[in-house]
Amino acid sequence: MTKHKSRREITPHEDHGFFGPDSITHKVWGHPTTPLMGIVRAVTIEELDPNLLAAVHNTGANYDRLDTRYARTVQYFAAVAFADSRSVSKMADVLVKIHSKAIGIEPVSGNRYDANDPASQLWILVTGWHSVLTAYERFGPGKLSEAEVNQFWAECAIAAEFQTCDPADVPRTREEVRAYFEGWRPRLAASEATQRMMHHLLNGANEVVPRGGLLGLTRPFANWLIRTGTIATLPHHMRQLAGINQSRVTDFAVTRLLKFMMAVLHRSRPLQRWMLGILAPKTLPIVEPWWQGIAPLNAEVLTPAEARERYGYVKPAEAHLDLRARQYARVFVDQQPPSDEGLIESQPMLGALG
C-alpha cells in the first residue's frame, strides 16, 4: 500500500495549469472511473484505427510492458488535467519527440503512418475524452447536464493544444461527438493483429495488478470486472470488429456492480490513493494537491498560448520538425529503425520504460 504524505510534505503545483479547480475537467477526470474504466476503454477503441494499431503493434510495447505503458498514459492525461502549466508544456513538447519514432508502413493499405499526424492525434484525443466521460456517466454519478457537456468539450479543445491536432476540429456537443465517431466508422478496421491487441488490452488487469500476495488473488475477478465493464460500453459495431460477444444480461449486471463499487471508491480517498499507487504511482504527486485542497504557489489559470510564450515552446504541430525529418529519412530512405531520442527524454517525467 502506498503511504500518503502529510499536507506539509505535498509539493504544491506552480499554478493551476490550464483548468481551474471548479472545472468540469477536474470533476470528470478526477473521478475513480477514469483510471479504472475510462482509460482502458480509450486505449482499446483506439486500436481500431489501422495507423495507430500499426504504430503500437510494431513496437511490441503493449505486449512487453503493458503495465508501464498504462501507467504512463494515466500519468500524461492526469498531468494535462491537474498539473501546472510548466510541467504540461514540457510534457507536450517531449510527446512530439516520442511520437516522431512511431512512423512506418501500415501493412494493410501500404500507406505511411505517422503518430504525429493531426487526424491520428485528434482520434486519440477525442476517444480519450469521450471514453472518460462515458465511464463517468455509466459507472459514476450519472449524466452531465447539456451545459456541462458543452463545457467539457470546450475544455477538451484546450487540451488539443498539447497535441498536433487543430483545436477547431474538436467536437463541442454530444451531437457533434456522435457525428465524429460516425464519420470514423468507414475508416475503422480490425485485422488479426487488431483483435489480438484489443483482447490483450481488455485483459490488461492480468498484467497491471501485482501477482503476489493477497492482492494477486483478486486478479481473475479484477480482470473479469474491467474487461466485461469496458465491453458493456462499446457500441455493437465495435464489438463485431473486435470479435467480441457479450450478452445484455452481462452488460446490465456488470454495470450495476461497477456503479456500486465506484460509488464506494469515490467516497474513500485512502482507497483511491492505494489504487492509484498500484496502477500508476507517479500520478500520485500530480493529483495529491487537488485531493488535499492544497493551493498552488500562484493562483493562475493560463491559456496554452500564454504558456508557450512564457516557457519558450511552439505549437506541437510546429515542434521538432528537424527531428521528425531525420526520423523520416532514417525509416523511409535509409531503411533503418528510428532513434529513441524522445523516449529517452521522456523517462525523467513519465518514468523508466523497463
Protein backbone atom coordinates (compact mmCIF):
# COMPACT_ATOMS: atom_id res chain seq x y z
CA MET A 1 0.00 0.00 0.00
CA THR A 2 1.28 3.46 -0.87
CA LYS A 3 1.79 5.57 2.20
CA HIS A 4 0.41 9.03 1.54
CA LYS A 5 2.20 12.17 2.60
CA SER A 6 1.05 14.76 5.09
CA ARG A 7 -0.11 18.15 3.86
CA ARG A 8 3.30 19.60 4.76
CA GLU A 9 5.10 17.08 2.54
CA ILE A 10 2.96 17.53 -0.57
CA THR A 11 4.67 19.70 -3.17
CA PRO A 12 2.21 22.35 -4.39
CA HIS A 13 1.87 22.90 -8.10
CA GLU A 14 3.37 26.06 -9.53
CA ASP A 15 -0.05 27.22 -10.77
CA HIS A 16 -3.49 25.83 -11.62
CA GLY A 17 -2.33 24.81 -15.06
CA PHE A 18 -4.99 25.14 -17.74
CA PHE A 19 -8.15 24.21 -15.82
CA GLY A 20 -9.44 25.88 -12.69
CA PRO A 21 -10.35 23.98 -9.53
CA ASP A 22 -14.06 24.17 -10.38
CA SER A 23 -13.69 22.99 -13.98
CA ILE A 24 -15.66 20.14 -15.50
CA THR A 25 -12.30 18.60 -16.37
CA HIS A 26 -11.42 18.25 -12.69
CA LYS A 27 -14.88 16.90 -11.90
CA VAL A 28 -14.83 14.17 -14.55
CA TRP A 29 -11.14 13.33 -14.85
CA GLY A 30 -10.79 13.29 -11.07
CA HIS A 31 -13.36 10.54 -10.57
CA PRO A 32 -12.04 6.98 -9.96
CA THR A 33 -13.91 5.78 -13.06
CA THR A 34 -11.16 7.45 -15.12
CA PRO A 35 -8.09 5.29 -14.40
CA LEU A 36 -10.07 2.09 -13.87
CA MET A 37 -12.51 2.20 -16.79
CA GLY A 38 -12.16 5.31 -18.95
CA ILE A 39 -8.50 4.90 -19.91
CA VAL A 40 -8.92 1.17 -20.58
CA ARG A 41 -11.86 1.88 -22.87
CA ALA A 42 -9.93 4.61 -24.69
CA VAL A 43 -6.80 2.58 -25.45
CA THR A 44 -8.94 -0.38 -26.54
CA ILE A 45 -11.06 1.59 -29.01
CA GLU A 46 -8.03 3.45 -30.37
CA GLU A 47 -6.70 0.22 -31.84
CA LEU A 48 -9.48 0.23 -34.44
CA ASP A 49 -7.52 2.93 -36.27
CA PRO A 50 -5.23 0.88 -38.57
CA ASN A 51 -2.49 3.52 -38.45
CA LEU A 52 -2.47 3.67 -34.66
CA LEU A 53 -2.56 -0.11 -34.44
CA ALA A 54 0.49 -0.33 -36.71
CA ALA A 55 2.36 2.23 -34.61
CA VAL A 56 1.65 0.39 -31.37
CA HIS A 57 1.88 -3.16 -32.70
CA ASN A 58 5.27 -2.65 -34.35
CA THR A 59 6.92 -1.53 -31.11
CA GLY A 60 5.65 -4.55 -29.16
CA ALA A 61 5.50 -2.34 -26.06
CA ASN A 62 1.89 -3.20 -25.20
CA TYR A 63 2.84 -6.85 -25.07
CA ASP A 64 6.23 -6.48 -23.40
CA ARG A 65 5.44 -3.81 -20.79
CA LEU A 66 1.72 -3.10 -20.69
CA ASP A 67 1.86 -2.03 -17.04
CA THR A 68 4.42 0.67 -17.86
CA ARG A 69 2.51 1.87 -20.92
CA TYR A 70 -0.71 2.05 -18.92
CA ALA A 71 0.93 3.97 -16.07
CA ARG A 72 2.50 6.48 -18.47
CA THR A 73 -0.83 7.01 -20.26
CA VAL A 74 -2.66 7.67 -16.99
CA GLN A 75 0.11 9.99 -15.87
CA TYR A 76 0.04 12.05 -19.07
CA PHE A 77 -3.73 12.55 -19.06
CA ALA A 78 -3.69 13.36 -15.33
CA ALA A 79 -0.96 15.92 -15.88
CA VAL A 80 -2.95 17.73 -18.58
CA ALA A 81 -5.95 17.88 -16.24
CA PHE A 82 -4.24 18.68 -12.92
CA ALA A 83 -0.56 19.63 -13.26
CA ASP A 84 0.92 23.11 -13.55
CA SER A 85 1.42 24.87 -16.87
CA ARG A 86 5.21 24.45 -16.99
CA SER A 87 5.04 20.67 -16.50
CA VAL A 88 2.30 20.17 -19.09
CA SER A 89 4.05 22.38 -21.64
CA LYS A 90 7.28 20.44 -21.28
CA MET A 91 5.44 17.11 -21.46
CA ALA A 92 3.60 18.16 -24.62
CA ASP A 93 6.88 19.16 -26.25
CA VAL A 94 8.51 15.83 -25.41
CA LEU A 95 5.41 13.96 -26.62
CA VAL A 96 6.07 15.20 -30.15
CA LYS A 97 9.57 13.71 -29.91
CA ILE A 98 8.19 10.42 -28.61
CA HIS A 99 5.72 10.22 -31.49
CA SER A 100 8.43 11.06 -34.04
CA LYS A 101 9.59 7.46 -33.58
CA ALA A 102 6.16 5.99 -34.38
CA ILE A 103 6.33 6.09 -38.16
CA GLY A 104 6.32 3.35 -40.78
CA ILE A 105 4.21 1.49 -43.34
CA GLU A 106 0.70 0.36 -42.42
CA PRO A 107 0.68 -3.23 -43.73
CA VAL A 108 -2.95 -3.47 -44.92
CA SER A 109 -3.07 -0.30 -47.03
CA GLY A 110 0.65 0.01 -47.70
CA ASN A 111 0.44 3.69 -46.78
CA ARG A 112 2.74 5.54 -44.44
CA TYR A 113 1.61 6.24 -40.89
CA ASP A 114 2.85 8.90 -38.50
CA ALA A 115 1.74 9.17 -34.88
CA ASN A 116 2.13 12.96 -35.11
CA ASP A 117 -0.42 13.11 -37.93
CA PRO A 118 -3.15 15.60 -36.85
CA ALA A 119 -6.01 13.21 -37.71
CA SER A 120 -4.48 10.43 -35.62
CA GLN A 121 -3.87 12.78 -32.73
CA LEU A 122 -7.45 14.05 -32.87
CA TRP A 123 -8.70 10.43 -32.83
CA ILE A 124 -6.63 9.73 -29.71
CA LEU A 125 -7.77 12.93 -28.01
CA VAL A 126 -11.50 12.60 -28.74
CA THR A 127 -11.52 8.87 -27.99
CA GLY A 128 -9.77 9.51 -24.66
CA TRP A 129 -12.04 12.32 -23.52
CA HIS A 130 -15.18 10.58 -24.75
CA SER A 131 -14.24 7.32 -23.02
CA VAL A 132 -13.56 9.08 -19.74
CA LEU A 133 -16.91 10.87 -19.98
CA THR A 134 -18.66 7.61 -20.90
CA ALA A 135 -17.17 5.82 -17.88
CA TYR A 136 -18.12 8.73 -15.60
CA GLU A 137 -21.73 8.76 -16.78
CA ARG A 138 -22.10 4.96 -16.98
CA PHE A 139 -20.38 3.90 -13.75
CA GLY A 140 -20.13 7.16 -11.82
CA PRO A 141 -22.60 9.81 -10.70
CA GLY A 142 -24.60 9.83 -13.94
CA LYS A 143 -25.30 12.12 -16.86
CA LEU A 144 -23.89 15.61 -17.03
CA SER A 145 -26.20 18.45 -17.96
CA GLU A 146 -26.10 19.76 -21.52
CA ALA A 147 -24.23 22.86 -20.35
CA GLU A 148 -21.68 20.72 -18.50
CA VAL A 149 -21.15 18.50 -21.54
CA ASN A 150 -20.58 21.53 -23.75
CA GLN A 151 -18.10 22.92 -21.24
CA PHE A 152 -16.36 19.53 -21.06
CA TRP A 153 -15.77 19.55 -24.81
CA ALA A 154 -14.73 23.21 -24.78
CA GLU A 155 -12.09 22.22 -22.23
CA CYS A 156 -11.12 19.27 -24.42
CA ALA A 157 -10.31 21.81 -27.14
CA ILE A 158 -7.85 23.40 -24.70
CA ALA A 159 -6.21 20.00 -24.21
CA ALA A 160 -5.99 19.66 -28.00
CA GLU A 161 -3.37 22.41 -27.99
CA PHE A 162 -0.91 19.99 -26.38
CA GLN A 163 -1.13 17.64 -29.36
CA THR A 164 -0.57 18.18 -33.06
CA CYS A 165 -4.27 18.35 -33.92
CA ASP A 166 -6.24 21.55 -34.52
CA PRO A 167 -8.43 22.61 -31.54
CA ALA A 168 -11.02 23.89 -34.04
CA ASP A 169 -11.63 20.28 -35.11
CA VAL A 170 -12.68 19.14 -31.63
CA PRO A 171 -16.44 18.40 -31.46
CA ARG A 172 -18.27 20.60 -28.94
CA THR A 173 -21.61 18.87 -28.23
CA ARG A 174 -22.95 15.33 -27.82
CA GLU A 175 -24.36 15.52 -31.33
CA GLU A 176 -21.06 16.62 -32.81
CA VAL A 177 -19.25 13.84 -30.95
CA ARG A 178 -21.69 11.26 -32.32
CA ALA A 179 -21.16 12.68 -35.82
CA TYR A 180 -17.39 12.49 -35.36
CA PHE A 181 -17.46 8.80 -34.47
CA GLU A 182 -19.99 8.06 -37.20
CA GLY A 183 -17.63 9.71 -39.68
CA TRP A 184 -14.86 7.42 -38.48
CA ARG A 185 -16.85 4.19 -38.97
CA PRO A 186 -15.75 3.60 -42.59
CA ARG A 187 -12.12 4.07 -41.53
CA LEU A 188 -12.21 1.55 -38.68
CA ALA A 189 -10.72 -1.87 -39.35
CA ALA A 190 -9.91 -5.00 -37.39
CA SER A 191 -7.16 -7.24 -38.67
CA GLU A 192 -6.00 -10.28 -36.71
CA ALA A 193 -3.40 -8.01 -35.12
CA THR A 194 -6.14 -5.56 -34.11
CA GLN A 195 -8.28 -8.24 -32.49
CA ARG A 196 -5.29 -9.70 -30.68
CA MET A 197 -4.30 -6.26 -29.36
CA MET A 198 -7.83 -5.36 -28.24
CA HIS A 199 -8.27 -8.63 -26.35
CA HIS A 200 -4.83 -8.14 -24.78
CA LEU A 201 -5.79 -4.66 -23.58
CA LEU A 202 -9.18 -5.83 -22.29
CA ASN A 203 -7.32 -8.41 -20.21
CA GLY A 204 -4.81 -5.82 -19.04
CA ALA A 205 -5.57 -6.28 -15.35
CA ASN A 206 -3.70 -9.58 -15.59
CA GLU A 207 -0.60 -7.54 -16.43
CA VAL A 208 -1.13 -4.48 -14.25
CA VAL A 209 -2.36 -5.99 -10.96
CA PRO A 210 0.59 -7.42 -8.96
CA ARG A 211 0.81 -11.20 -8.97
CA GLY A 212 1.99 -11.81 -5.41
CA GLY A 213 0.26 -11.62 -2.03
CA LEU A 214 -3.41 -11.29 -1.25
CA LEU A 215 -3.87 -8.70 -3.99
CA GLY A 216 -2.72 -11.21 -6.56
CA LEU A 217 -5.63 -13.47 -5.62
CA THR A 218 -8.05 -10.79 -6.86
CA ARG A 219 -6.53 -10.64 -10.34
CA PRO A 220 -9.03 -13.01 -12.04
CA PHE A 221 -12.01 -11.08 -10.62
CA ALA A 222 -10.46 -7.68 -11.34
CA ASN A 223 -9.71 -8.72 -14.90
CA TRP A 224 -13.27 -10.02 -15.43
CA LEU A 225 -14.73 -6.84 -13.95
CA ILE A 226 -12.71 -4.42 -16.06
CA ARG A 227 -12.98 -6.49 -19.22
CA THR A 228 -16.74 -7.02 -19.10
CA GLY A 229 -17.35 -3.49 -17.84
CA THR A 230 -15.39 -2.00 -20.72
CA ILE A 231 -17.15 -4.20 -23.26
CA ALA A 232 -20.50 -3.08 -21.83
CA THR A 233 -19.69 0.46 -23.01
CA LEU A 234 -18.68 -0.50 -26.55
CA PRO A 235 -21.07 0.05 -29.48
CA HIS A 236 -22.06 -3.21 -31.15
CA HIS A 237 -20.29 -2.41 -34.42
CA MET A 238 -17.03 -2.10 -32.47
CA ARG A 239 -17.70 -5.40 -30.68
CA GLN A 240 -18.26 -7.07 -34.05
CA LEU A 241 -14.99 -5.70 -35.43
CA ALA A 242 -13.13 -6.91 -32.35
CA GLY A 243 -14.79 -10.35 -32.43
CA ILE A 244 -16.36 -9.84 -29.00
CA ASN A 245 -19.64 -11.33 -27.81
CA GLN A 246 -21.26 -10.33 -24.54
CA SER A 247 -24.90 -10.63 -23.55
CA ARG A 248 -27.18 -7.81 -22.49
CA VAL A 249 -27.60 -9.56 -19.16
CA THR A 250 -23.86 -9.38 -18.54
CA ASP A 251 -23.81 -5.74 -19.66
CA PHE A 252 -26.54 -4.91 -17.16
CA ALA A 253 -25.11 -6.92 -14.27
CA VAL A 254 -21.53 -5.63 -14.56
CA THR A 255 -22.76 -2.04 -14.96
CA ARG A 256 -24.76 -2.25 -11.73
CA LEU A 257 -21.84 -3.86 -9.89
CA LEU A 258 -19.31 -1.33 -11.11
CA LYS A 259 -21.62 1.58 -10.32
CA PHE A 260 -21.83 0.38 -6.72
CA MET A 261 -18.08 -0.23 -6.46
CA MET A 262 -17.18 3.15 -7.97
CA ALA A 263 -19.52 4.89 -5.51
CA VAL A 264 -17.73 3.20 -2.61
CA LEU A 265 -14.32 4.03 -4.06
CA HIS A 266 -15.30 7.65 -4.70
CA ARG A 267 -16.16 8.12 -1.02
CA SER A 268 -12.77 6.86 0.18
CA ARG A 269 -9.69 8.90 -0.61
CA PRO A 270 -7.39 6.33 1.06
CA LEU A 271 -8.77 3.63 -1.25
CA GLN A 272 -8.27 5.84 -4.29
CA ARG A 273 -4.72 6.61 -3.18
CA TRP A 274 -3.98 2.93 -2.67
CA MET A 275 -5.45 2.01 -6.05
CA LEU A 276 -3.52 4.68 -7.93
CA GLY A 277 -0.37 3.79 -6.05
CA ILE A 278 -0.62 0.32 -7.55
CA LEU A 279 -1.70 1.26 -11.06
CA ALA A 280 0.20 4.49 -11.77
CA PRO A 281 2.26 5.59 -8.74
CA LYS A 282 3.94 8.56 -10.49
CA THR A 283 0.46 10.05 -10.95
CA LEU A 284 0.02 10.50 -7.18
CA PRO A 285 2.09 13.72 -6.86
CA ILE A 286 0.03 15.17 -9.73
CA VAL A 287 -3.39 14.64 -8.15
CA GLU A 288 -2.47 14.78 -4.47
CA PRO A 289 -2.54 18.62 -4.21
CA TRP A 290 -6.02 18.62 -5.76
CA TRP A 291 -7.19 15.80 -3.49
CA GLN A 292 -6.00 17.64 -0.39
CA GLY A 293 -7.05 21.12 -1.46
CA ILE A 294 -3.51 22.47 -1.41
CA ALA A 295 -3.38 25.76 -3.28
CA PRO A 296 -0.74 26.25 -5.97
CA LEU A 297 2.08 28.72 -5.44
CA ASN A 298 0.44 31.02 -7.98
CA ALA A 299 -3.34 31.06 -8.42
CA GLU A 300 -3.15 31.44 -12.20
CA VAL A 301 -5.01 29.54 -14.91
CA LEU A 302 -3.09 30.01 -18.14
CA THR A 303 -4.04 29.55 -21.75
CA PRO A 304 -1.80 27.29 -23.82
CA ALA A 305 -0.70 30.32 -25.86
CA GLU A 306 0.33 32.17 -22.69
CA ALA A 307 2.27 29.14 -21.51
CA ARG A 308 4.09 28.75 -24.83
CA GLU A 309 5.13 32.38 -24.74
CA ARG A 310 6.23 32.17 -21.10
CA TYR A 311 8.28 28.96 -21.43
CA GLY A 312 9.54 29.32 -24.99
CA TYR A 313 7.71 26.47 -26.72
CA VAL A 314 6.00 26.41 -30.11
CA LYS A 315 2.76 24.70 -31.06
CA PRO A 316 3.18 20.90 -31.13
CA ALA A 317 2.30 20.81 -34.84
CA GLU A 318 5.32 23.05 -35.47
CA ALA A 319 7.67 21.44 -32.96
CA HIS A 320 10.83 19.46 -33.70
CA LEU A 321 10.42 19.50 -37.46
CA ASP A 322 14.14 18.78 -37.92
CA LEU A 323 13.94 15.67 -35.73
CA ARG A 324 10.82 14.48 -37.49
CA ALA A 325 12.52 14.96 -40.87
CA ARG A 326 15.55 12.99 -39.67
CA GLN A 327 13.30 10.19 -38.47
CA TYR A 328 11.56 10.10 -41.86
CA ALA A 329 14.92 9.88 -43.61
CA ARG A 330 16.10 7.05 -41.32
CA VAL A 331 12.92 5.00 -41.78
CA PHE A 332 11.78 5.69 -45.34
CA VAL A 333 15.10 6.44 -47.09
CA ASP A 334 17.81 4.61 -45.16
CA GLN A 335 15.54 1.73 -44.08
CA GLN A 336 16.81 1.99 -40.51
CA PRO A 337 14.90 1.98 -37.20
CA PRO A 338 14.02 5.45 -35.84
CA SER A 339 16.05 6.85 -32.98
CA ASP A 340 14.91 6.66 -29.35
CA GLU A 341 15.61 10.32 -28.59
CA GLY A 342 12.10 11.20 -27.43
CA LEU A 343 11.64 8.04 -25.41
CA ILE A 344 14.90 8.63 -23.54
CA GLU A 345 13.99 12.22 -22.79
CA SER A 346 10.53 11.22 -21.52
CA GLN A 347 11.78 8.93 -18.76
CA PRO A 348 12.52 11.57 -16.10
CA MET A 349 8.93 12.83 -16.47
CA LEU A 350 6.97 9.66 -17.18
CA GLY A 351 9.15 7.01 -15.57
CA ALA A 352 11.50 4.34 -16.86
CA LEU A 353 10.34 2.25 -19.80
CA GLY A 354 11.54 -1.06 -18.44
